[in-house]
PDB file of all heavy atoms in Angstrom:
ATOM      1  N   LEU A   1     -19.029   0.201  -6.092  1.00  0.00           N
ATOM      2  CA  LEU A   1     -18.876  -0.289  -4.711  1.00  0.00           C
ATOM      3  C   LEU A   1     -18.002   0.645  -3.874  1.00  0.00           C
ATOM      4  O   LEU A   1     -18.311   0.901  -2.703  1.00  0.00           O
ATOM      5  CB  LEU A   1     -18.296  -1.699  -4.726  1.00  0.00           C
ATOM      6  CG  LEU A   1     -19.216  -2.798  -5.262  1.00  0.00           C
ATOM      7  CD1 LEU A   1     -18.495  -4.130  -5.297  1.00  0.00           C
ATOM      8  CD2 LEU A   1     -20.482  -2.888  -4.437  1.00  0.00           C
ATOM      9  N   VAL A   2     -16.946   1.157  -4.457  1.00  0.00           N
ATOM     10  CA  VAL A   2     -16.086   2.093  -3.726  1.00  0.00           C
ATOM     11  C   VAL A   2     -16.811   3.415  -3.503  1.00  0.00           C
ATOM     12  O   VAL A   2     -16.694   4.031  -2.436  1.00  0.00           O
ATOM     13  CB  VAL A   2     -14.754   2.282  -4.475  1.00  0.00           C
ATOM     14  CG1 VAL A   2     -13.953   3.435  -3.900  1.00  0.00           C
ATOM     15  CG2 VAL A   2     -13.937   1.001  -4.419  1.00  0.00           C
ATOM     16  N   ALA A   3     -17.580   3.877  -4.499  1.00  0.00           N
ATOM     17  CA  ALA A   3     -18.326   5.129  -4.344  1.00  0.00           C
ATOM     18  C   ALA A   3     -19.376   5.016  -3.245  1.00  0.00           C
ATOM     19  O   ALA A   3     -19.554   5.944  -2.455  1.00  0.00           O
ATOM     20  CB  ALA A   3     -18.981   5.506  -5.675  1.00  0.00           C
ATOM     21  N   VAL A   4     -20.057   3.878  -3.188  1.00  0.00           N
ATOM     22  CA  VAL A   4     -21.047   3.667  -2.119  1.00  0.00           C
ATOM     23  C   VAL A   4     -20.366   3.680  -0.756  1.00  0.00           C
ATOM     24  O   VAL A   4     -20.879   4.254   0.206  1.00  0.00           O
ATOM     25  CB  VAL A   4     -21.822   2.352  -2.352  1.00  0.00           C
ATOM     26  CG1 VAL A   4     -22.610   1.943  -1.124  1.00  0.00           C
ATOM     27  CG2 VAL A   4     -22.735   2.490  -3.553  1.00  0.00           C
ATOM     28  N   GLU A   5     -19.193   3.067  -0.691  1.00  0.00           N
ATOM     29  CA  GLU A   5     -18.460   3.058   0.576  1.00  0.00           C
ATOM     30  C   GLU A   5     -18.045   4.472   0.988  1.00  0.00           C
ATOM     31  O   GLU A   5     -18.144   4.840   2.158  1.00  0.00           O
ATOM     32  CB  GLU A   5     -17.231   2.171   0.449  1.00  0.00           C
ATOM     33  CG  GLU A   5     -16.399   2.118   1.713  1.00  0.00           C
ATOM     34  CD  GLU A   5     -15.151   1.274   1.565  1.00  0.00           C
ATOM     35  OE1 GLU A   5     -14.967   0.665   0.502  1.00  0.00           O
ATOM     36  OE2 GLU A   5     -14.370   1.245   2.527  1.00  0.00           O
ATOM     37  N   GLU A   6     -17.600   5.273   0.027  1.00  0.00           N
ATOM     38  CA  GLU A   6     -17.175   6.638   0.352  1.00  0.00           C
ATOM     39  C   GLU A   6     -18.358   7.523   0.741  1.00  0.00           C
ATOM     40  O   GLU A   6     -18.221   8.385   1.610  1.00  0.00           O
ATOM     41  CB  GLU A   6     -16.440   7.253  -0.845  1.00  0.00           C
ATOM     42  CG  GLU A   6     -15.108   6.620  -1.148  1.00  0.00           C
ATOM     43  CD  GLU A   6     -14.093   6.815  -0.038  1.00  0.00           C
ATOM     44  OE1 GLU A   6     -14.119   7.890   0.615  1.00  0.00           O
ATOM     45  OE2 GLU A   6     -13.285   5.906   0.192  1.00  0.00           O
ATOM     46  N   LEU A   7     -19.490   7.326   0.086  1.00  0.00           N
ATOM     47  CA  LEU A   7     -20.643   8.182   0.363  1.00  0.00           C
ATOM     48  C   LEU A   7     -21.360   7.818   1.653  1.00  0.00           C
ATOM     49  O   LEU A   7     -21.851   8.697   2.361  1.00  0.00           O
ATOM     50  CB  LEU A   7     -21.628   8.122  -0.802  1.00  0.00           C
ATOM     51  CG  LEU A   7     -21.157   8.766  -2.103  1.00  0.00           C
ATOM     52  CD1 LEU A   7     -22.172   8.515  -3.205  1.00  0.00           C
ATOM     53  CD2 LEU A   7     -20.933  10.253  -1.916  1.00  0.00           C
ATOM     54  N   THR A   8     -21.430   6.550   1.970  1.00  0.00           N
ATOM     55  CA  THR A   8     -22.224   6.128   3.125  1.00  0.00           C
ATOM     56  C   THR A   8     -21.388   5.672   4.323  1.00  0.00           C
ATOM     57  O   THR A   8     -21.949   5.384   5.366  1.00  0.00           O
ATOM     58  CB  THR A   8     -23.145   4.960   2.728  1.00  0.00           C
ATOM     59  OG1 THR A   8     -22.352   3.845   2.352  1.00  0.00           O
ATOM     60  CG2 THR A   8     -24.086   5.362   1.609  1.00  0.00           C
ATOM     61  N   ASN A   9     -20.091   5.599   4.158  1.00  0.00           N
ATOM     62  CA  ASN A   9     -19.188   5.079   5.193  1.00  0.00           C
ATOM     63  C   ASN A   9     -19.537   3.650   5.590  1.00  0.00           C
ATOM     64  O   ASN A   9     -19.261   3.206   6.692  1.00  0.00           O
ATOM     65  CB  ASN A   9     -19.176   5.977   6.428  1.00  0.00           C
ATOM     66  CG  ASN A   9     -18.510   7.295   6.143  1.00  0.00           C
ATOM     67  OD1 ASN A   9     -17.609   7.376   5.310  1.00  0.00           O
ATOM     68  ND2 ASN A   9     -18.962   8.343   6.814  1.00  0.00           N
ATOM     69  N   LEU A  10     -20.195   2.944   4.691  1.00  0.00           N
ATOM     70  CA  LEU A  10     -20.542   1.545   4.890  1.00  0.00           C
ATOM     71  C   LEU A  10     -19.590   0.713   4.043  1.00  0.00           C
ATOM     72  O   LEU A  10     -19.576   0.822   2.827  1.00  0.00           O
ATOM     73  CB  LEU A  10     -21.993   1.290   4.450  1.00  0.00           C
ATOM     74  CG  LEU A  10     -22.487  -0.138   4.513  1.00  0.00           C
ATOM     75  CD1 LEU A  10     -22.561  -0.605   5.961  1.00  0.00           C
ATOM     76  CD2 LEU A  10     -23.843  -0.237   3.851  1.00  0.00           C
ATOM     77  N   ALA A  11     -18.781  -0.088   4.698  1.00  0.00           N
ATOM     78  CA  ALA A  11     -17.745  -0.858   3.996  1.00  0.00           C
ATOM     79  C   ALA A  11     -18.361  -2.076   3.310  1.00  0.00           C
ATOM     80  O   ALA A  11     -18.558  -3.115   3.921  1.00  0.00           O
ATOM     81  CB  ALA A  11     -16.655  -1.276   4.962  1.00  0.00           C
ATOM     82  N   ILE A  12     -18.669  -1.930   2.019  1.00  0.00           N
ATOM     83  CA  ILE A  12     -19.198  -3.052   1.251  1.00  0.00           C
ATOM     84  C   ILE A  12     -18.056  -3.960   0.819  1.00  0.00           C
ATOM     85  O   ILE A  12     -18.159  -5.171   0.885  1.00  0.00           O
ATOM     86  CB  ILE A  12     -19.993  -2.546   0.037  1.00  0.00           C
ATOM     87  CG1 ILE A  12     -21.203  -1.762   0.516  1.00  0.00           C
ATOM     88  CG2 ILE A  12     -20.409  -3.699  -0.863  1.00  0.00           C
ATOM     89  CD1 ILE A  12     -21.986  -1.116  -0.587  1.00  0.00           C
ATOM     90  N   VAL A  13     -16.988  -3.355   0.360  1.00  0.00           N
ATOM     91  CA  VAL A  13     -15.793  -4.110  -0.030  1.00  0.00           C
ATOM     92  C   VAL A  13     -14.620  -3.605   0.796  1.00  0.00           C
ATOM     93  O   VAL A  13     -14.543  -2.440   1.141  1.00  0.00           O
ATOM     94  CB  VAL A  13     -15.476  -3.968  -1.533  1.00  0.00           C
ATOM     95  CG1 VAL A  13     -16.542  -4.583  -2.379  1.00  0.00           C
ATOM     96  CG2 VAL A  13     -15.250  -2.538  -1.921  1.00  0.00           C
ATOM     97  N   THR A  14     -13.726  -4.518   1.090  1.00  0.00           N
ATOM     98  CA  THR A  14     -12.524  -4.104   1.806  1.00  0.00           C
ATOM     99  C   THR A  14     -11.526  -3.517   0.818  1.00  0.00           C
ATOM    100  O   THR A  14     -11.660  -3.663  -0.396  1.00  0.00           O
ATOM    101  CB  THR A  14     -11.887  -5.303   2.531  1.00  0.00           C
ATOM    102  OG1 THR A  14     -11.495  -6.266   1.558  1.00  0.00           O
ATOM    103  CG2 THR A  14     -12.863  -5.921   3.512  1.00  0.00           C
ATOM    104  N   GLU A  15     -10.532  -2.869   1.355  1.00  0.00           N
ATOM    105  CA  GLU A  15      -9.518  -2.265   0.494  1.00  0.00           C
ATOM    106  C   GLU A  15      -8.727  -3.325  -0.269  1.00  0.00           C
ATOM    107  O   GLU A  15      -8.339  -3.119  -1.413  1.00  0.00           O
ATOM    108  CB  GLU A  15      -8.572  -1.421   1.353  1.00  0.00           C
ATOM    109  CG  GLU A  15      -7.623  -0.582   0.552  1.00  0.00           C
ATOM    110  CD  GLU A  15      -6.811   0.354   1.418  1.00  0.00           C
ATOM    111  OE1 GLU A  15      -7.289   0.739   2.496  1.00  0.00           O
ATOM    112  OE2 GLU A  15      -5.698   0.701   0.995  1.00  0.00           O
ATOM    113  N   GLU A  16      -8.517  -4.468   0.350  1.00  0.00           N
ATOM    114  CA  GLU A  16      -7.788  -5.544  -0.317  1.00  0.00           C
ATOM    115  C   GLU A  16      -8.562  -6.086  -1.527  1.00  0.00           C
ATOM    116  O   GLU A  16      -7.992  -6.377  -2.563  1.00  0.00           O
ATOM    117  CB  GLU A  16      -7.489  -6.686   0.660  1.00  0.00           C
ATOM    118  CG  GLU A  16      -6.488  -6.336   1.732  1.00  0.00           C
ATOM    119  CD  GLU A  16      -7.118  -5.582   2.899  1.00  0.00           C
ATOM    120  OE1 GLU A  16      -8.359  -5.652   3.079  1.00  0.00           O
ATOM    121  OE2 GLU A  16      -6.378  -4.909   3.620  1.00  0.00           O
ATOM    122  N   ILE A  17      -9.869  -6.211  -1.370  1.00  0.00           N
ATOM    123  CA  ILE A  17     -10.691  -6.691  -2.481  1.00  0.00           C
ATOM    124  C   ILE A  17     -10.697  -5.662  -3.616  1.00  0.00           C
ATOM    125  O   ILE A  17     -10.614  -6.021  -4.793  1.00  0.00           O
ATOM    126  CB  ILE A  17     -12.118  -7.021  -2.010  1.00  0.00           C
ATOM    127  CG1 ILE A  17     -12.077  -8.245  -1.088  1.00  0.00           C
ATOM    128  CG2 ILE A  17     -13.043  -7.281  -3.175  1.00  0.00           C
ATOM    129  CD1 ILE A  17     -13.409  -8.605  -0.489  1.00  0.00           C
ATOM    130  N   ALA A  18     -10.775  -4.384  -3.275  1.00  0.00           N
ATOM    131  CA  ALA A  18     -10.742  -3.343  -4.303  1.00  0.00           C
ATOM    132  C   ALA A  18      -9.415  -3.369  -5.053  1.00  0.00           C
ATOM    133  O   ALA A  18      -9.380  -3.232  -6.281  1.00  0.00           O
ATOM    134  CB  ALA A  18     -10.974  -1.972  -3.670  1.00  0.00           C
ATOM    135  N   ARG A  19      -8.320  -3.545  -4.351  1.00  0.00           N
ATOM    136  CA  ARG A  19      -7.012  -3.643  -5.014  1.00  0.00           C
ATOM    137  C   ARG A  19      -6.937  -4.885  -5.897  1.00  0.00           C
ATOM    138  O   ARG A  19      -6.357  -4.847  -6.978  1.00  0.00           O
ATOM    139  CB  ARG A  19      -5.900  -3.669  -3.977  1.00  0.00           C
ATOM    140  CG  ARG A  19      -5.687  -2.349  -3.314  1.00  0.00           C
ATOM    141  CD  ARG A  19      -4.563  -2.416  -2.334  1.00  0.00           C
ATOM    142  NE  ARG A  19      -4.433  -1.147  -1.634  1.00  0.00           N
ATOM    143  CZ  ARG A  19      -3.711  -0.972  -0.574  1.00  0.00           C
ATOM    144  NH1 ARG A  19      -3.024  -1.984  -0.061  1.00  0.00           N
ATOM    145  NH2 ARG A  19      -3.647   0.205   0.007  1.00  0.00           N
ATOM    146  N   THR A  20      -7.519  -5.976  -5.453  1.00  0.00           N
ATOM    147  CA  THR A  20      -7.526  -7.196  -6.260  1.00  0.00           C
ATOM    148  C   THR A  20      -8.352  -6.993  -7.524  1.00  0.00           C
ATOM    149  O   THR A  20      -7.961  -7.457  -8.596  1.00  0.00           O
ATOM    150  CB  THR A  20      -8.089  -8.370  -5.444  1.00  0.00           C
ATOM    151  OG1 THR A  20      -7.344  -8.500  -4.236  1.00  0.00           O
ATOM    152  CG2 THR A  20      -8.011  -9.659  -6.225  1.00  0.00           C
ATOM    153  N   PHE A  21      -9.482  -6.310  -7.417  1.00  0.00           N
ATOM    154  CA  PHE A  21     -10.289  -6.018  -8.602  1.00  0.00           C
ATOM    155  C   PHE A  21      -9.496  -5.190  -9.612  1.00  0.00           C
ATOM    156  O   PHE A  21      -9.588  -5.425 -10.820  1.00  0.00           O
ATOM    157  CB  PHE A  21     -11.557  -5.258  -8.221  1.00  0.00           C
ATOM    158  CG  PHE A  21     -12.772  -6.121  -8.095  1.00  0.00           C
ATOM    159  CD1 PHE A  21     -13.367  -6.332  -6.870  1.00  0.00           C
ATOM    160  CD2 PHE A  21     -13.326  -6.708  -9.218  1.00  0.00           C
ATOM    161  CE1 PHE A  21     -14.491  -7.114  -6.755  1.00  0.00           C
ATOM    162  CE2 PHE A  21     -14.465  -7.489  -9.111  1.00  0.00           C
ATOM    163  CZ  PHE A  21     -15.041  -7.700  -7.878  1.00  0.00           C
ATOM    164  N   ILE A  22      -8.745  -4.230  -9.147  1.00  0.00           N
ATOM    165  CA  ILE A  22      -7.935  -3.409 -10.055  1.00  0.00           C
ATOM    166  C   ILE A  22      -6.899  -4.281 -10.760  1.00  0.00           C
ATOM    167  O   ILE A  22      -6.674  -4.143 -11.964  1.00  0.00           O
ATOM    168  CB  ILE A  22      -7.281  -2.244  -9.285  1.00  0.00           C
ATOM    169  CG1 ILE A  22      -8.373  -1.271  -8.833  1.00  0.00           C
ATOM    170  CG2 ILE A  22      -6.253  -1.533 -10.154  1.00  0.00           C
ATOM    171  CD1 ILE A  22      -7.896  -0.198  -7.907  1.00  0.00           C
ATOM    172  N   PHE A  23      -6.295  -5.196 -10.033  1.00  0.00           N
ATOM    173  CA  PHE A  23      -5.328  -6.115 -10.636  1.00  0.00           C
ATOM    174  C   PHE A  23      -5.999  -6.997 -11.688  1.00  0.00           C
ATOM    175  O   PHE A  23      -5.460  -7.226 -12.775  1.00  0.00           O
ATOM    176  CB  PHE A  23      -4.680  -6.965  -9.542  1.00  0.00           C
ATOM    177  CG  PHE A  23      -3.629  -7.903 -10.030  1.00  0.00           C
ATOM    178  CD1 PHE A  23      -2.441  -7.423 -10.540  1.00  0.00           C
ATOM    179  CD2 PHE A  23      -3.833  -9.263  -9.987  1.00  0.00           C
ATOM    180  CE1 PHE A  23      -1.463  -8.281 -10.995  1.00  0.00           C
ATOM    181  CE2 PHE A  23      -2.875 -10.140 -10.443  1.00  0.00           C
ATOM    182  CZ  PHE A  23      -1.681  -9.649 -10.952  1.00  0.00           C
ATOM    183  N   VAL A  24      -7.201  -7.468 -11.389  1.00  0.00           N
ATOM    184  CA  VAL A  24      -7.951  -8.299 -12.337  1.00  0.00           C
ATOM    185  C   VAL A  24      -8.297  -7.497 -13.591  1.00  0.00           C
ATOM    186  O   VAL A  24      -8.212  -8.003 -14.719  1.00  0.00           O
ATOM    187  CB  VAL A  24      -9.221  -8.866 -11.667  1.00  0.00           C
ATOM    188  CG1 VAL A  24     -10.166  -9.474 -12.678  1.00  0.00           C
ATOM    189  CG2 VAL A  24      -8.849  -9.878 -10.608  1.00  0.00           C
ATOM    190  N   ILE A  25      -8.658  -6.243 -13.438  1.00  0.00           N
ATOM    191  CA  ILE A  25      -8.975  -5.391 -14.578  1.00  0.00           C
ATOM    192  C   ILE A  25      -7.753  -5.184 -15.458  1.00  0.00           C
ATOM    193  O   ILE A  25      -7.837  -5.249 -16.690  1.00  0.00           O
ATOM    194  CB  ILE A  25      -9.557  -4.052 -14.085  1.00  0.00           C
ATOM    195  CG1 ILE A  25     -10.937  -4.285 -13.478  1.00  0.00           C
ATOM    196  CG2 ILE A  25      -9.640  -3.029 -15.215  1.00  0.00           C
ATOM    197  CD1 ILE A  25     -11.470  -3.117 -12.701  1.00  0.00           C
ATOM    198  N   VAL A  26      -6.598  -4.966 -14.852  1.00  0.00           N
ATOM    199  CA  VAL A  26      -5.360  -4.802 -15.630  1.00  0.00           C
ATOM    200  C   VAL A  26      -5.023  -6.083 -16.387  1.00  0.00           C
ATOM    201  O   VAL A  26      -4.631  -6.036 -17.560  1.00  0.00           O
ATOM    202  CB  VAL A  26      -4.196  -4.370 -14.706  1.00  0.00           C
ATOM    203  CG1 VAL A  26      -2.868  -4.443 -15.419  1.00  0.00           C
ATOM    204  CG2 VAL A  26      -4.447  -2.971 -14.182  1.00  0.00           C
ATOM    205  N   ILE A  27      -5.184  -7.223 -15.744  1.00  0.00           N
ATOM    206  CA  ILE A  27      -4.950  -8.502 -16.429  1.00  0.00           C
ATOM    207  C   ILE A  27      -5.916  -8.657 -17.605  1.00  0.00           C
ATOM    208  O   ILE A  27      -5.527  -9.086 -18.694  1.00  0.00           O
ATOM    209  CB  ILE A  27      -5.079  -9.681 -15.442  1.00  0.00           C
ATOM    210  CG1 ILE A  27      -3.897  -9.693 -14.496  1.00  0.00           C
ATOM    211  CG2 ILE A  27      -5.175 -11.009 -16.178  1.00  0.00           C
ATOM    212  CD1 ILE A  27      -4.013 -10.718 -13.391  1.00  0.00           C
ATOM    213  N   GLY A  28      -7.173  -8.309 -17.405  1.00  0.00           N
ATOM    214  CA  GLY A  28      -8.160  -8.407 -18.476  1.00  0.00           C
ATOM    215  C   GLY A  28      -7.845  -7.508 -19.651  1.00  0.00           C
ATOM    216  O   GLY A  28      -7.977  -7.905 -20.811  1.00  0.00           O
ATOM    217  N   LEU A  29      -7.424  -6.285 -19.371  1.00  0.00           N
ATOM    218  CA  LEU A  29      -7.067  -5.371 -20.455  1.00  0.00           C
ATOM    219  C   LEU A  29      -5.853  -5.858 -21.230  1.00  0.00           C
ATOM    220  O   LEU A  29      -5.813  -5.769 -22.464  1.00  0.00           O
ATOM    221  CB  LEU A  29      -6.815  -3.969 -19.904  1.00  0.00           C
ATOM    222  CG  LEU A  29      -8.053  -3.206 -19.461  1.00  0.00           C
ATOM    223  CD1 LEU A  29      -7.657  -1.888 -18.817  1.00  0.00           C
ATOM    224  CD2 LEU A  29      -8.997  -2.969 -20.622  1.00  0.00           C
ATOM    225  N   SER A  30      -4.869  -6.393 -20.528  1.00  0.00           N
ATOM    226  CA  SER A  30      -3.688  -6.902 -21.230  1.00  0.00           C
ATOM    227  C   SER A  30      -4.041  -8.127 -22.061  1.00  0.00           C
ATOM    228  O   SER A  30      -3.512  -8.308 -23.169  1.00  0.00           O
ATOM    229  CB  SER A  30      -2.565  -7.219 -20.243  1.00  0.00           C
ATOM    230  OG  SER A  30      -2.972  -8.199 -19.319  1.00  0.00           O
ATOM    231  N   GLU A  31      -4.960  -8.962 -21.572  1.00  0.00           N
ATOM    232  CA  GLU A  31      -5.407 -10.113 -22.357  1.00  0.00           C
ATOM    233  C   GLU A  31      -6.110  -9.657 -23.624  1.00  0.00           C
ATOM    234  O   GLU A  31      -5.888 -10.217 -24.706  1.00  0.00           O
ATOM    235  CB  GLU A  31      -6.353 -10.978 -21.528  1.00  0.00           C
ATOM    236  CG  GLU A  31      -6.934 -12.137 -22.310  1.00  0.00           C
ATOM    237  CD  GLU A  31      -8.148 -12.755 -21.658  1.00  0.00           C
ATOM    238  OE1 GLU A  31      -8.742 -12.150 -20.746  1.00  0.00           O
ATOM    239  OE2 GLU A  31      -8.514 -13.857 -22.097  1.00  0.00           O
ATOM    240  N   ILE A  32      -6.942  -8.638 -23.525  1.00  0.00           N
ATOM    241  CA  ILE A  32      -7.669  -8.156 -24.692  1.00  0.00           C
ATOM    242  C   ILE A  32      -6.728  -7.552 -25.724  1.00  0.00           C
ATOM    243  O   ILE A  32      -6.893  -7.769 -26.926  1.00  0.00           O
ATOM    244  CB  ILE A  32      -8.761  -7.158 -24.260  1.00  0.00           C
ATOM    245  CG1 ILE A  32      -9.853  -7.909 -23.511  1.00  0.00           C
ATOM    246  CG2 ILE A  32      -9.340  -6.420 -25.453  1.00  0.00           C
ATOM    247  CD1 ILE A  32     -10.854  -7.031 -22.844  1.00  0.00           C
ATOM    248  N   VAL A  33      -5.720  -6.811 -25.276  1.00  0.00           N
ATOM    249  CA  VAL A  33      -4.752  -6.245 -26.220  1.00  0.00           C
ATOM    250  C   VAL A  33      -4.012  -7.361 -26.946  1.00  0.00           C
ATOM    251  O   VAL A  33      -3.872  -7.337 -28.180  1.00  0.00           O
ATOM    252  CB  VAL A  33      -3.763  -5.303 -25.492  1.00  0.00           C
ATOM    253  CG1 VAL A  33      -2.597  -4.934 -26.380  1.00  0.00           C
ATOM    254  CG2 VAL A  33      -4.481  -4.059 -25.009  1.00  0.00           C
ATOM    255  N   LEU A  34      -3.542  -8.347 -26.219  1.00  0.00           N
ATOM    256  CA  LEU A  34      -2.820  -9.461 -26.832  1.00  0.00           C
ATOM    257  C   LEU A  34      -3.714 -10.248 -27.786  1.00  0.00           C
ATOM    258  O   LEU A  34      -3.324 -10.550 -28.930  1.00  0.00           O
ATOM    259  CB  LEU A  34      -2.263 -10.387 -25.754  1.00  0.00           C
ATOM    260  CG  LEU A  34      -1.481 -11.600 -26.236  1.00  0.00           C
ATOM    261  CD1 LEU A  34      -0.212 -11.153 -26.951  1.00  0.00           C
ATOM    262  CD2 LEU A  34      -1.140 -12.502 -25.080  1.00  0.00           C
ATOM    263  N   LEU A  35      -4.926 -10.583 -27.359  1.00  0.00           N
ATOM    264  CA  LEU A  35      -5.842 -11.326 -28.222  1.00  0.00           C
ATOM    265  C   LEU A  35      -6.257 -10.509 -29.447  1.00  0.00           C
ATOM    266  O   LEU A  35      -6.462 -11.068 -30.518  1.00  0.00           O
ATOM    267  CB  LEU A  35      -7.084 -11.750 -27.443  1.00  0.00           C
ATOM    268  CG  LEU A  35      -6.932 -12.958 -26.534  1.00  0.00           C
ATOM    269  CD1 LEU A  35      -8.226 -13.212 -25.777  1.00  0.00           C
ATOM    270  CD2 LEU A  35      -6.539 -14.190 -27.312  1.00  0.00           C
ATOM    271  N   SER A  36      -6.359  -9.195 -29.304  1.00  0.00           N
ATOM    272  CA  SER A  36      -6.728  -8.362 -30.444  1.00  0.00           C
ATOM    273  C   SER A  36      -5.660  -8.375 -31.522  1.00  0.00           C
ATOM    274  O   SER A  36      -5.971  -8.449 -32.716  1.00  0.00           O
ATOM    275  CB  SER A  36      -6.985  -6.927 -29.987  1.00  0.00           C
ATOM    276  OG  SER A  36      -8.055  -6.882 -29.091  1.00  0.00           O
ATOM    277  N   VAL A  37      -4.404  -8.299 -31.114  1.00  0.00           N
ATOM    278  CA  VAL A  37      -3.313  -8.359 -32.087  1.00  0.00           C
ATOM    279  C   VAL A  37      -3.295  -9.720 -32.778  1.00  0.00           C
ATOM    280  O   VAL A  37      -3.214  -9.813 -34.013  1.00  0.00           O
ATOM    281  CB  VAL A  37      -1.958  -8.065 -31.403  1.00  0.00           C
ATOM    282  CG1 VAL A  37      -0.797  -8.355 -32.328  1.00  0.00           C
ATOM    283  CG2 VAL A  37      -1.911  -6.626 -30.919  1.00  0.00           C
ATOM    284  N   ILE A  38      -3.400 -10.782 -31.997  1.00  0.00           N
ATOM    285  CA  ILE A  38      -3.411 -12.131 -32.569  1.00  0.00           C
ATOM    286  C   ILE A  38      -4.621 -12.311 -33.482  1.00  0.00           C
ATOM    287  O   ILE A  38      -4.511 -12.852 -34.583  1.00  0.00           O
ATOM    288  CB  ILE A  38      -3.400 -13.193 -31.453  1.00  0.00           C
ATOM    289  CG1 ILE A  38      -2.076 -13.145 -30.702  1.00  0.00           C
ATOM    290  CG2 ILE A  38      -3.642 -14.584 -32.011  1.00  0.00           C
ATOM    291  CD1 ILE A  38      -2.068 -13.972 -29.433  1.00  0.00           C
ATOM    292  N   PHE A  39      -5.783 -11.817 -33.048  1.00  0.00           N
ATOM    293  CA  PHE A  39      -6.999 -11.971 -33.840  1.00  0.00           C
ATOM    294  C   PHE A  39      -6.888 -11.233 -35.168  1.00  0.00           C
ATOM    295  O   PHE A  39      -7.260 -11.778 -36.212  1.00  0.00           O
ATOM    296  CB  PHE A  39      -8.212 -11.455 -33.076  1.00  0.00           C
ATOM    297  CG  PHE A  39      -9.494 -11.630 -33.820  1.00  0.00           C
ATOM    298  CD1 PHE A  39     -10.200 -12.798 -33.722  1.00  0.00           C
ATOM    299  CD2 PHE A  39      -9.987 -10.627 -34.647  1.00  0.00           C
ATOM    300  CE1 PHE A  39     -11.377 -12.984 -34.428  1.00  0.00           C
ATOM    301  CE2 PHE A  39     -11.155 -10.802 -35.346  1.00  0.00           C
ATOM    302  CZ  PHE A  39     -11.855 -11.977 -35.238  1.00  0.00           C
ATOM    303  N   SER A  40      -6.401 -10.002 -35.152  1.00  0.00           N
ATOM    304  CA  SER A  40      -6.346  -9.237 -36.394  1.00  0.00           C
ATOM    305  C   SER A  40      -5.390  -9.877 -37.400  1.00  0.00           C
ATOM    306  O   SER A  40      -5.685  -9.925 -38.591  1.00  0.00           O
ATOM    307  CB  SER A  40      -5.959  -7.786 -36.123  1.00  0.00           C
ATOM    308  OG  SER A  40      -4.670  -7.714 -35.562  1.00  0.00           O
ATOM    309  N   ILE A  41      -4.265 -10.389 -36.933  1.00  0.00           N
ATOM    310  CA  ILE A  41      -3.319 -11.055 -37.842  1.00  0.00           C
ATOM    311  C   ILE A  41      -3.929 -12.341 -38.386  1.00  0.00           C
ATOM    312  O   ILE A  41      -3.893 -12.594 -39.598  1.00  0.00           O
ATOM    313  CB  ILE A  41      -1.989 -11.332 -37.117  1.00  0.00           C
ATOM    314  CG1 ILE A  41      -1.287 -10.018 -36.798  1.00  0.00           C
ATOM    315  CG2 ILE A  41      -1.091 -12.234 -37.956  1.00  0.00           C
ATOM    316  CD1 ILE A  41      -0.103 -10.157 -35.872  1.00  0.00           C
TER     317      ILE A  41
END
């Protein structure tokens, strides 16, 4: 979505939504790391 916006100058997502997606991705990765440790034990 960000690449399409940069290439076409068509704002599909706002900057705030893109920042929120990055925050959601970080939360997801931290959840997976925590669950992986718990799961393996």
